[in-house]
Amino acid sequence: MSTLTKRSTVYLDPVLHKALRLQSIETSRSVSDLINDAIRDELAEDASDLALFDERADEPTMEFETFVKRLKRDGAI
């Protein structure tokens, strides 16, 4: 463990904890490593989503009510 790591208490659903322990055994990786990787993946996905929002910031918007009416008019619903 690196001296730069931080300890934290996390309360897990018992089923998720069991799944993590089993995956840890199967992959020869620590539960901490698995959790850190999952958090990194989730944050990377968030960063990607935010980048897409930025790319589409100048696109025109449509109100939900207008959109639903258009779907009905076009026979989609």
Protein backbone atom coordinates (compact mmCIF):
# COMPACT_ATOMS: atom_id res chain seq x y z
CA MET A 1 0.00 0.00 0.00
CA SER A 2 1.30 3.43 -0.93
CA THR A 3 1.91 6.03 1.76
CA LEU A 4 -0.29 8.33 -0.36
CA THR A 5 -3.41 6.18 0.07
CA LYS A 6 -6.24 7.27 2.35
CA ARG A 7 -8.25 5.00 4.59
CA SER A 8 -12.02 5.27 4.46
CA THR A 9 -14.91 3.40 5.98
CA VAL A 10 -17.46 2.29 3.41
CA TYR A 11 -20.62 0.39 4.25
CA LEU A 12 -21.49 -2.15 1.56
CA ASP A 13 -24.58 -4.18 0.92
CA PRO A 14 -23.73 -7.70 2.17
CA VAL A 15 -24.35 -9.25 -1.25
CA LEU A 16 -22.05 -6.73 -2.94
CA HIS A 17 -19.39 -7.30 -0.30
CA LYS A 18 -19.54 -11.06 -0.89
CA ALA A 19 -19.29 -10.52 -4.65
CA LEU A 20 -16.26 -8.27 -4.16
CA ARG A 21 -14.56 -10.82 -1.88
CA LEU A 22 -15.17 -13.59 -4.43
CA GLN A 23 -13.91 -11.44 -7.30
CA SER A 24 -10.89 -10.55 -5.20
CA ILE A 25 -10.07 -14.21 -4.74
CA GLU A 26 -10.71 -15.07 -8.41
CA THR A 27 -8.53 -12.23 -9.71
CA SER A 28 -5.87 -12.24 -6.98
CA ARG A 29 -6.53 -8.55 -6.43
CA SER A 30 -7.45 -6.77 -3.22
CA VAL A 31 -10.95 -5.55 -2.54
CA SER A 32 -9.45 -2.04 -2.30
CA ASP A 33 -7.99 -2.36 -5.81
CA LEU A 34 -11.34 -3.51 -7.18
CA ILE A 35 -13.19 -0.63 -5.53
CA ASN A 36 -10.59 1.93 -6.66
CA ASP A 37 -10.86 0.68 -10.26
CA ALA A 38 -14.67 0.81 -10.14
CA ILE A 39 -14.56 4.39 -8.85
CA ARG A 40 -12.03 5.39 -11.52
CA ASP A 41 -14.25 3.86 -14.23
CA GLU A 42 -17.32 5.68 -12.91
CA LEU A 43 -15.49 9.02 -12.74
CA ALA A 44 -14.09 8.53 -16.25
CA GLU A 45 -17.63 7.90 -17.53
CA ASP A 46 -18.82 11.07 -15.76
CA ALA A 47 -15.98 13.04 -17.37
CA SER A 48 -16.94 11.65 -20.77
CA ASP A 49 -20.60 12.59 -20.23
CA LEU A 50 -19.63 16.12 -19.19
CA ALA A 51 -17.49 16.49 -22.31
CA LEU A 52 -20.46 15.44 -24.46
CA PHE A 53 -22.68 17.99 -22.70
CA ASP A 54 -20.10 20.68 -23.48
CA GLU A 55 -19.98 19.63 -27.16
CA ARG A 56 -23.77 19.90 -27.42
CA ALA A 57 -24.16 23.11 -25.40
CA ASP A 58 -25.02 25.20 -28.47
CA GLU A 59 -27.63 22.81 -29.89
CA PRO A 60 -31.21 24.03 -29.87
CA THR A 61 -33.41 22.68 -27.10
CA MET A 62 -37.01 21.55 -27.13
CA GLU A 63 -39.43 21.42 -24.22
CA PHE A 64 -40.63 17.97 -23.21
CA GLU A 65 -44.29 18.80 -23.89
CA THR A 66 -43.45 19.92 -27.43
CA PHE A 67 -41.39 16.78 -28.00
CA VAL A 68 -44.20 14.47 -26.85
CA LYS A 69 -46.74 16.30 -29.01
CA ARG A 70 -44.43 15.90 -32.00
CA LEU A 71 -44.07 12.16 -31.32
CA LYS A 72 -47.86 11.83 -31.19
CA ARG A 73 -48.31 13.91 -34.36
CA ASP A 74 -45.76 11.75 -36.21
CA GLY A 75 -47.43 8.52 -35.05
CA ALA A 76 -44.47 7.38 -32.94
CA ILE A 77 -46.70 7.09 -29.87
